[in-house]
Amino acid sequence: ERQLAHKETNKIRAAYNRAQYMEERTRMM
């Protein structure tokens, strides 16, 4: 969802530090 730049509707998940997704998204891509 972060890679798609979609709006996060879940407030708990939205509060998660998105910077931590960067490494994971790099591997995913």
PDB file of all heavy atoms in Angstrom:
ATOM      1  N   GLU A   1       0.822  -1.210   0.000  1.00  0.00           N
ATOM      2  CA  GLU A   1       0.000   0.000   0.000  1.00  0.00           C
ATOM      3  C   GLU A   1       0.852   1.254   0.000  1.00  0.00           C
ATOM      4  O   GLU A   1       0.521   2.250  -0.655  1.00  0.00           O
ATOM      5  CB  GLU A   1      -0.928  -0.004   1.226  1.00  0.00           C
ATOM      6  CG  GLU A   1      -2.036  -1.051   1.160  1.00  0.00           C
ATOM      7  CD  GLU A   1      -2.939  -0.825  -0.038  1.00  0.00           C
ATOM      8  OE1 GLU A   1      -3.694   0.173  -0.037  1.00  0.00           O
ATOM      9  OE2 GLU A   1      -2.879  -1.629  -0.984  1.00  0.00           O
ATOM     10  N   ARG A   2       1.962   1.236   0.730  1.00  0.00           N
ATOM     11  CA  ARG A   2       2.851   2.390   0.730  1.00  0.00           C
ATOM     12  C   ARG A   2       3.473   2.583  -0.646  1.00  0.00           C
ATOM     13  O   ARG A   2       3.647   3.711  -1.118  1.00  0.00           O
ATOM     14  CB  ARG A   2       3.965   2.202   1.776  1.00  0.00           C
ATOM     15  CG  ARG A   2       3.541   2.506   3.191  1.00  0.00           C
ATOM     16  CD  ARG A   2       3.054   3.932   3.367  1.00  0.00           C
ATOM     17  NE  ARG A   2       4.075   4.900   3.012  1.00  0.00           N
ATOM     18  CZ  ARG A   2       3.861   5.994   2.295  1.00  0.00           C
ATOM     19  NH1 ARG A   2       2.645   6.261   1.843  1.00  0.00           N
ATOM     20  NH2 ARG A   2       4.832   6.826   2.011  1.00  0.00           N
ATOM     21  N   GLN A   3       3.815   1.485  -1.299  1.00  0.00           N
ATOM     22  CA  GLN A   3       4.396   1.608  -2.631  1.00  0.00           C
ATOM     23  C   GLN A   3       3.375   2.173  -3.621  1.00  0.00           C
ATOM     24  O   GLN A   3       3.730   2.920  -4.529  1.00  0.00           O
ATOM     25  CB  GLN A   3       4.884   0.241  -3.109  1.00  0.00           C
ATOM     26  CG  GLN A   3       5.684   0.284  -4.396  1.00  0.00           C
ATOM     27  CD  GLN A   3       6.940   1.131  -4.246  1.00  0.00           C
ATOM     28  OE1 GLN A   3       7.616   1.067  -3.229  1.00  0.00           O
ATOM     29  NE2 GLN A   3       7.230   1.946  -5.249  1.00  0.00           N
ATOM     30  N   LEU A   4       2.122   1.838  -3.439  1.00  0.00           N
ATOM     31  CA  LEU A   4       1.059   2.343  -4.300  1.00  0.00           C
ATOM     32  C   LEU A   4       0.649   3.768  -3.941  1.00  0.00           C
ATOM     33  O   LEU A   4      -0.122   4.399  -4.665  1.00  0.00           O
ATOM     34  CB  LEU A   4      -0.175   1.436  -4.211  1.00  0.00           C
ATOM     35  CG  LEU A   4      -0.035   0.034  -4.826  1.00  0.00           C
ATOM     36  CD1 LEU A   4      -1.177  -0.863  -4.371  1.00  0.00           C
ATOM     37  CD2 LEU A   4      -0.009   0.128  -6.348  1.00  0.00           C
ATOM     38  N   ALA A   5       1.159   4.281  -2.798  1.00  0.00           N
ATOM     39  CA  ALA A   5       0.810   5.623  -2.299  1.00  0.00           C
ATOM     40  C   ALA A   5      -0.679   5.734  -2.047  1.00  0.00           C
ATOM     41  O   ALA A   5      -1.308   6.743  -2.349  1.00  0.00           O
ATOM     42  CB  ALA A   5       1.277   6.705  -3.271  1.00  0.00           C
ATOM     43  N   HIS A   6      -1.247   4.664  -1.487  1.00  0.00           N
ATOM     44  CA  HIS A   6      -2.651   4.676  -1.122  1.00  0.00           C
ATOM     45  C   HIS A   6      -2.844   5.293   0.259  1.00  0.00           C
ATOM     46  O   HIS A   6      -1.940   5.290   1.095  1.00  0.00           O
ATOM     47  CB  HIS A   6      -3.224   3.256  -1.105  1.00  0.00           C
ATOM     48  CG  HIS A   6      -3.592   2.760  -2.457  1.00  0.00           C
ATOM     49  ND1 HIS A   6      -3.858   1.434  -2.731  1.00  0.00           N
ATOM     50  CD2 HIS A   6      -3.744   3.408  -3.636  1.00  0.00           C
ATOM     51  CE1 HIS A   6      -4.154   1.291  -4.004  1.00  0.00           C
ATOM     52  NE2 HIS A   6      -4.099   2.472  -4.576  1.00  0.00           N
ATOM     53  N   LYS A   7      -4.035   5.788   0.487  1.00  0.00           N
ATOM     54  CA  LYS A   7      -4.380   6.341   1.793  1.00  0.00           C
ATOM     55  C   LYS A   7      -4.558   5.210   2.787  1.00  0.00           C
ATOM     56  O   LYS A   7      -5.205   4.204   2.498  1.00  0.00           O
ATOM     57  CB  LYS A   7      -5.673   7.159   1.691  1.00  0.00           C
ATOM     58  CG  LYS A   7      -6.139   7.769   2.991  1.00  0.00           C
ATOM     59  CD  LYS A   7      -7.422   8.536   2.767  1.00  0.00           C
ATOM     60  CE  LYS A   7      -7.931   9.143   4.058  1.00  0.00           C
ATOM     61  NZ  LYS A   7      -9.183   9.895   3.854  1.00  0.00           N
ATOM     62  N   GLU A   8      -3.992   5.370   3.966  1.00  0.00           N
ATOM     63  CA  GLU A   8      -4.133   4.370   5.020  1.00  0.00           C
ATOM     64  C   GLU A   8      -5.395   4.660   5.823  1.00  0.00           C
ATOM     65  O   GLU A   8      -5.563   5.731   6.405  1.00  0.00           O
ATOM     66  CB  GLU A   8      -2.919   4.415   5.955  1.00  0.00           C
ATOM     67  CG  GLU A   8      -3.014   3.425   7.102  1.00  0.00           C
ATOM     68  CD  GLU A   8      -3.200   1.997   6.628  1.00  0.00           C
ATOM     69  OE1 GLU A   8      -2.239   1.386   6.163  1.00  0.00           O
ATOM     70  OE2 GLU A   8      -4.354   1.515   6.710  1.00  0.00           O
ATOM     71  N   THR A   9      -6.334   3.715   5.809  1.00  0.00           N
ATOM     72  CA  THR A   9      -7.594   3.907   6.521  1.00  0.00           C
ATOM     73  C   THR A   9      -7.541   3.390   7.949  1.00  0.00           C
ATOM     74  O   THR A   9      -8.353   3.784   8.785  1.00  0.00           O
ATOM     75  CB  THR A   9      -8.738   3.184   5.770  1.00  0.00           C
ATOM     76  OG1 THR A   9      -8.399   1.802   5.623  1.00  0.00           O
ATOM     77  CG2 THR A   9      -8.936   3.795   4.391  1.00  0.00           C
ATOM     78  N   ASN A  10      -6.605   2.501   8.233  1.00  0.00           N
ATOM     79  CA  ASN A  10      -6.470   1.969   9.581  1.00  0.00           C
ATOM     80  C   ASN A  10      -5.553   2.893  10.387  1.00  0.00           C
ATOM     81  O   ASN A  10      -4.374   3.040  10.099  1.00  0.00           O
ATOM     82  CB  ASN A  10      -5.876   0.548   9.517  1.00  0.00           C
ATOM     83  CG  ASN A  10      -5.821  -0.112  10.880  1.00  0.00           C
ATOM     84  OD1 ASN A  10      -5.224   0.421  11.811  1.00  0.00           O
ATOM     85  ND2 ASN A  10      -6.447  -1.270  10.993  1.00  0.00           N
ATOM     86  N   LYS A  11      -6.089   3.549  11.419  1.00  0.00           N
ATOM     87  CA  LYS A  11      -5.335   4.554  12.163  1.00  0.00           C
ATOM     88  C   LYS A  11      -4.131   3.946  12.884  1.00  0.00           C
ATOM     89  O   LYS A  11      -3.103   4.597  13.037  1.00  0.00           O
ATOM     90  CB  LYS A  11      -6.255   5.259  13.165  1.00  0.00           C
ATOM     91  CG  LYS A  11      -7.306   6.123  12.496  1.00  0.00           C
ATOM     92  CD  LYS A  11      -8.134   6.866  13.525  1.00  0.00           C
ATOM     93  CE  LYS A  11      -9.167   7.753  12.858  1.00  0.00           C
ATOM     94  NZ  LYS A  11      -9.988   8.495  13.845  1.00  0.00           N
ATOM     95  N   ILE A  12      -4.272   2.709  13.354  1.00  0.00           N
ATOM     96  CA  ILE A  12      -3.159   2.082  14.064  1.00  0.00           C
ATOM     97  C   ILE A  12      -2.017   1.813  13.091  1.00  0.00           C
ATOM     98  O   ILE A  12      -0.855   2.100  13.361  1.00  0.00           O
ATOM     99  CB  ILE A  12      -3.617   0.770  14.738  1.00  0.00           C
ATOM    100  CG1 ILE A  12      -4.672   1.094  15.816  1.00  0.00           C
ATOM    101  CG2 ILE A  12      -2.426   0.046  15.345  1.00  0.00           C
ATOM    102  CD1 ILE A  12      -5.241  -0.133  16.481  1.00  0.00           C
ATOM    103  N   ARG A  13      -2.350   1.269  11.922  1.00  0.00           N
ATOM    104  CA  ARG A  13      -1.330   1.008  10.926  1.00  0.00           C
ATOM    105  C   ARG A  13      -0.765   2.307  10.375  1.00  0.00           C
ATOM    106  O   ARG A  13       0.411   2.394  10.042  1.00  0.00           O
ATOM    107  CB  ARG A  13      -1.915   0.164   9.788  1.00  0.00           C
ATOM    108  CG  ARG A  13      -1.953  -1.305  10.178  1.00  0.00           C
ATOM    109  CD  ARG A  13      -2.838  -2.148   9.298  1.00  0.00           C
ATOM    110  NE  ARG A  13      -2.726  -1.904   7.881  1.00  0.00           N
ATOM    111  CZ  ARG A  13      -3.297  -2.701   6.984  1.00  0.00           C
ATOM    112  NH1 ARG A  13      -3.955  -3.775   7.363  1.00  0.00           N
ATOM    113  NH2 ARG A  13      -3.212  -2.438   5.711  1.00  0.00           N
ATOM    114  N   ALA A  14      -1.614   3.353  10.292  1.00  0.00           N
ATOM    115  CA  ALA A  14      -1.128   4.636   9.788  1.00  0.00           C
ATOM    116  C   ALA A  14      -0.104   5.247  10.720  1.00  0.00           C
ATOM    117  O   ALA A  14       0.768   6.009  10.298  1.00  0.00           O
ATOM    118  CB  ALA A  14      -2.304   5.601   9.602  1.00  0.00           C
ATOM    119  N   ALA A  15      -0.211   4.925  12.008  1.00  0.00           N
ATOM    120  CA  ALA A  15       0.716   5.477  12.991  1.00  0.00           C
ATOM    121  C   ALA A  15       2.064   4.781  12.968  1.00  0.00           C
ATOM    122  O   ALA A  15       3.029   5.249  13.551  1.00  0.00           O
ATOM    123  CB  ALA A  15       0.116   5.360  14.393  1.00  0.00           C
ATOM    124  N   TYR A  16       2.140   3.656  12.295  1.00  0.00           N
ATOM    125  CA  TYR A  16       3.398   2.917  12.208  1.00  0.00           C
ATOM    126  C   TYR A  16       4.440   3.758  11.483  1.00  0.00           C
ATOM    127  O   TYR A  16       4.127   4.474  10.527  1.00  0.00           O
ATOM    128  CB  TYR A  16       3.160   1.601  11.448  1.00  0.00           C
ATOM    129  CG  TYR A  16       4.365   0.685  11.371  1.00  0.00           C
ATOM    130  CD1 TYR A  16       4.738  -0.103  12.454  1.00  0.00           C
ATOM    131  CD2 TYR A  16       5.120   0.615  10.207  1.00  0.00           C
ATOM    132  CE1 TYR A  16       5.834  -0.947  12.378  1.00  0.00           C
ATOM    133  CE2 TYR A  16       6.219  -0.225  10.117  1.00  0.00           C
ATOM    134  CZ  TYR A  16       6.559  -0.995  11.215  1.00  0.00           C
ATOM    135  OH  TYR A  16       7.649  -1.823  11.123  1.00  0.00           O
ATOM    136  N   ASN A  17       5.658   3.686  11.923  1.00  0.00           N
ATOM    137  CA  ASN A  17       6.725   4.479  11.329  1.00  0.00           C
ATOM    138  C   ASN A  17       6.989   4.014   9.901  1.00  0.00           C
ATOM    139  O   ASN A  17       7.609   2.980   9.666  1.00  0.00           O
ATOM    140  CB  ASN A  17       8.000   4.344  12.162  1.00  0.00           C
ATOM    141  CG  ASN A  17       9.124   5.199  11.629  1.00  0.00           C
ATOM    142  OD1 ASN A  17       8.958   5.899  10.634  1.00  0.00           O
ATOM    143  ND2 ASN A  17      10.260   5.140  12.289  1.00  0.00           N
ATOM    144  N   ARG A  18       6.523   4.827   8.930  1.00  0.00           N
ATOM    145  CA  ARG A  18       6.610   4.406   7.539  1.00  0.00           C
ATOM    146  C   ARG A  18       8.050   4.330   7.030  1.00  0.00           C
ATOM    147  O   ARG A  18       8.331   3.742   5.996  1.00  0.00           O
ATOM    148  CB  ARG A  18       5.761   5.334   6.676  1.00  0.00           C
ATOM    149  CG  ARG A  18       4.280   5.057   6.871  1.00  0.00           C
ATOM    150  CD  ARG A  18       3.421   6.151   6.262  1.00  0.00           C
ATOM    151  NE  ARG A  18       2.016   5.808   6.369  1.00  0.00           N
ATOM    152  CZ  ARG A  18       1.295   5.913   7.477  1.00  0.00           C
ATOM    153  NH1 ARG A  18       1.859   6.350   8.583  1.00  0.00           N
ATOM    154  NH2 ARG A  18       0.028   5.581   7.507  1.00  0.00           N
ATOM    155  N   ALA A  19       8.942   4.993   7.715  1.00  0.00           N
ATOM    156  CA  ALA A  19      10.349   4.918   7.309  1.00  0.00           C
ATOM    157  C   ALA A  19      10.845   3.482   7.367  1.00  0.00           C
ATOM    158  O   ALA A  19      11.749   3.091   6.625  1.00  0.00           O
ATOM    159  CB  ALA A  19      11.195   5.812   8.206  1.00  0.00           C
ATOM    160  N   GLN A  20      10.234   2.661   8.266  1.00  0.00           N
ATOM    161  CA  GLN A  20      10.653   1.273   8.375  1.00  0.00           C
ATOM    162  C   GLN A  20      10.240   0.445   7.159  1.00  0.00           C
ATOM    163  O   GLN A  20      10.740  -0.645   6.958  1.00  0.00           O
ATOM    164  CB  GLN A  20      10.070   0.663   9.655  1.00  0.00           C
ATOM    165  CG  GLN A  20      10.613   1.298  10.934  1.00  0.00           C
ATOM    166  CD  GLN A  20      10.036   0.636  12.167  1.00  0.00           C
ATOM    167  OE1 GLN A  20       9.478  -0.455  12.085  1.00  0.00           O
ATOM    168  NE2 GLN A  20      10.164   1.301  13.303  1.00  0.00           N
ATOM    169  N   TYR A  21       9.323   0.973   6.362  1.00  0.00           N
ATOM    170  CA  TYR A  21       8.899   0.259   5.164  1.00  0.00           C
ATOM    171  C   TYR A  21       9.900   0.410   4.029  1.00  0.00           C
ATOM    172  O   TYR A  21       9.860  -0.339   3.062  1.00  0.00           O
ATOM    173  CB  TYR A  21       7.537   0.771   4.679  1.00  0.00           C
ATOM    174  CG  TYR A  21       6.372   0.375   5.543  1.00  0.00           C
ATOM    175  CD1 TYR A  21       5.336   1.276   5.801  1.00  0.00           C
ATOM    176  CD2 TYR A  21       6.277  -0.903   6.095  1.00  0.00           C
ATOM    177  CE1 TYR A  21       4.262   0.923   6.589  1.00  0.00           C
ATOM    178  CE2 TYR A  21       5.203  -1.265   6.887  1.00  0.00           C
ATOM    179  CZ  TYR A  21       4.193  -0.345   7.129  1.00  0.00           C
ATOM    180  OH  TYR A  21       3.123  -0.693   7.906  1.00  0.00           O
ATOM    181  N   MET A  22      10.750   1.407   4.087  1.00  0.00           N
ATOM    182  CA  MET A  22      11.610   1.709   2.950  1.00  0.00           C
ATOM    183  C   MET A  22      12.534   0.541   2.604  1.00  0.00           C
ATOM    184  O   MET A  22      12.639   0.145   1.434  1.00  0.00           O
ATOM    185  CB  MET A  22      12.437   2.966   3.239  1.00  0.00           C
ATOM    186  CG  MET A  22      13.150   3.499   2.015  1.00  0.00           C
ATOM    187  SD  MET A  22      11.967   3.961   0.724  1.00  0.00           S
ATOM    188  CE  MET A  22      13.061   4.150  -0.661  1.00  0.00           C
ATOM    189  N   GLU A  23      13.170  -0.012   3.587  1.00  0.00           N
ATOM    190  CA  GLU A  23      14.065  -1.141   3.336  1.00  0.00           C
ATOM    191  C   GLU A  23      13.274  -2.332   2.813  1.00  0.00           C
ATOM    192  O   GLU A  23      13.719  -3.026   1.895  1.00  0.00           O
ATOM    193  CB  GLU A  23      14.808  -1.501   4.623  1.00  0.00           C
ATOM    194  CG  GLU A  23      15.847  -2.610   4.432  1.00  0.00           C
ATOM    195  CD  GLU A  23      16.617  -2.913   5.707  1.00  0.00           C
ATOM    196  OE1 GLU A  23      16.509  -2.128   6.679  1.00  0.00           O
ATOM    197  OE2 GLU A  23      17.312  -3.946   5.733  1.00  0.00           O
ATOM    198  N   GLU A  24      12.104  -2.524   3.396  1.00  0.00           N
ATOM    199  CA  GLU A  24      11.272  -3.645   2.970  1.00  0.00           C
ATOM    200  C   GLU A  24      10.766  -3.432   1.542  1.00  0.00           C
ATOM    201  O   GLU A  24      10.737  -4.366   0.727  1.00  0.00           O
ATOM    202  CB  GLU A  24      10.083  -3.798   3.930  1.00  0.00           C
ATOM    203  CG  GLU A  24       9.193  -4.989   3.622  1.00  0.00           C
ATOM    204  CD  GLU A  24       8.107  -5.170   4.667  1.00  0.00           C
ATOM    205  OE1 GLU A  24       8.043  -4.357   5.617  1.00  0.00           O
ATOM    206  OE2 GLU A  24       7.321  -6.121   4.528  1.00  0.00           O
ATOM    207  N   ARG A  25      10.398  -2.207   1.217  1.00  0.00           N
ATOM    208  CA  ARG A  25       9.924  -1.916  -0.136  1.00  0.00           C
ATOM    209  C   ARG A  25      11.046  -2.050  -1.159  1.00  0.00           C
ATOM    210  O   ARG A  25      10.807  -2.463  -2.301  1.00  0.00           O
ATOM    211  CB  ARG A  25       9.325  -0.507  -0.196  1.00  0.00           C
ATOM    212  CG  ARG A  25       7.984  -0.389   0.507  1.00  0.00           C
ATOM    213  CD  ARG A  25       7.237   0.857   0.091  1.00  0.00           C
ATOM    214  NE  ARG A  25       7.852   2.085   0.570  1.00  0.00           N
ATOM    215  CZ  ARG A  25       8.176   3.109  -0.207  1.00  0.00           C
ATOM    216  NH1 ARG A  25       8.002   3.032  -1.517  1.00  0.00           N
ATOM    217  NH2 ARG A  25       8.707   4.195   0.302  1.00  0.00           N
ATOM    218  N   THR A  26      12.255  -1.697  -0.762  1.00  0.00           N
ATOM    219  CA  THR A  26      13.402  -1.842  -1.670  1.00  0.00           C
ATOM    220  C   THR A  26      13.599  -3.309  -2.048  1.00  0.00           C
ATOM    221  O   THR A  26      13.796  -3.650  -3.223  1.00  0.00           O
ATOM    222  CB  THR A  26      14.673  -1.279  -1.016  1.00  0.00           C
ATOM    223  OG1 THR A  26      14.470   0.111  -0.715  1.00  0.00           O
ATOM    224  CG2 THR A  26      15.868  -1.442  -1.933  1.00  0.00           C
ATOM    225  N   ARG A  27      13.544  -4.183  -1.039  1.00  0.00           N
ATOM    226  CA  ARG A  27      13.676  -5.616  -1.321  1.00  0.00           C
ATOM    227  C   ARG A  27      12.498  -6.110  -2.156  1.00  0.00           C
ATOM    228  O   ARG A  27      12.671  -6.931  -3.068  1.00  0.00           O
ATOM    229  CB  ARG A  27      13.753  -6.401  -0.001  1.00  0.00           C
ATOM    230  CG  ARG A  27      15.021  -6.156   0.801  1.00  0.00           C
ATOM    231  CD  ARG A  27      15.196  -7.237   1.872  1.00  0.00           C
ATOM    232  NE  ARG A  27      14.065  -7.262   2.796  1.00  0.00           N
ATOM    233  CZ  ARG A  27      14.005  -6.569   3.925  1.00  0.00           C
ATOM    234  NH1 ARG A  27      15.025  -5.785   4.270  1.00  0.00           N
ATOM    235  NH2 ARG A  27      12.960  -6.665   4.722  1.00  0.00           N
ATOM    236  N   MET A  28      11.309  -5.630  -1.824  1.00  0.00           N
ATOM    237  CA  MET A  28      10.113  -6.071  -2.535  1.00  0.00           C
ATOM    238  C   MET A  28      10.163  -5.676  -4.010  1.00  0.00           C
ATOM    239  O   MET A  28       9.839  -6.490  -4.893  1.00  0.00           O
ATOM    240  CB  MET A  28       8.868  -5.458  -1.877  1.00  0.00           C
ATOM    241  CG  MET A  28       7.555  -5.827  -2.561  1.00  0.00           C
ATOM    242  SD  MET A  28       6.128  -5.037  -1.782  1.00  0.00           S
ATOM    243  CE  MET A  28       6.334  -3.331  -2.341  1.00  0.00           C
ATOM    244  N   MET A  29      10.592  -4.445  -4.306  1.00  0.00           N
ATOM    245  CA  MET A  29      10.615  -3.987  -5.689  1.00  0.00           C
ATOM    246  C   MET A  29      11.642  -4.748  -6.532  1.00  0.00           C
ATOM    247  O   MET A  29      11.421  -5.002  -7.716  1.00  0.00           O
ATOM    248  CB  MET A  29      10.893  -2.483  -5.734  1.00  0.00           C
ATOM    249  CG  MET A  29       9.794  -1.636  -5.094  1.00  0.00           C
ATOM    250  SD  MET A  29       8.175  -1.884  -5.865  1.00  0.00           S
ATOM    251  CE  MET A  29       8.369  -0.909  -7.350  1.00  0.00           C
TER     252      MET A  29
END
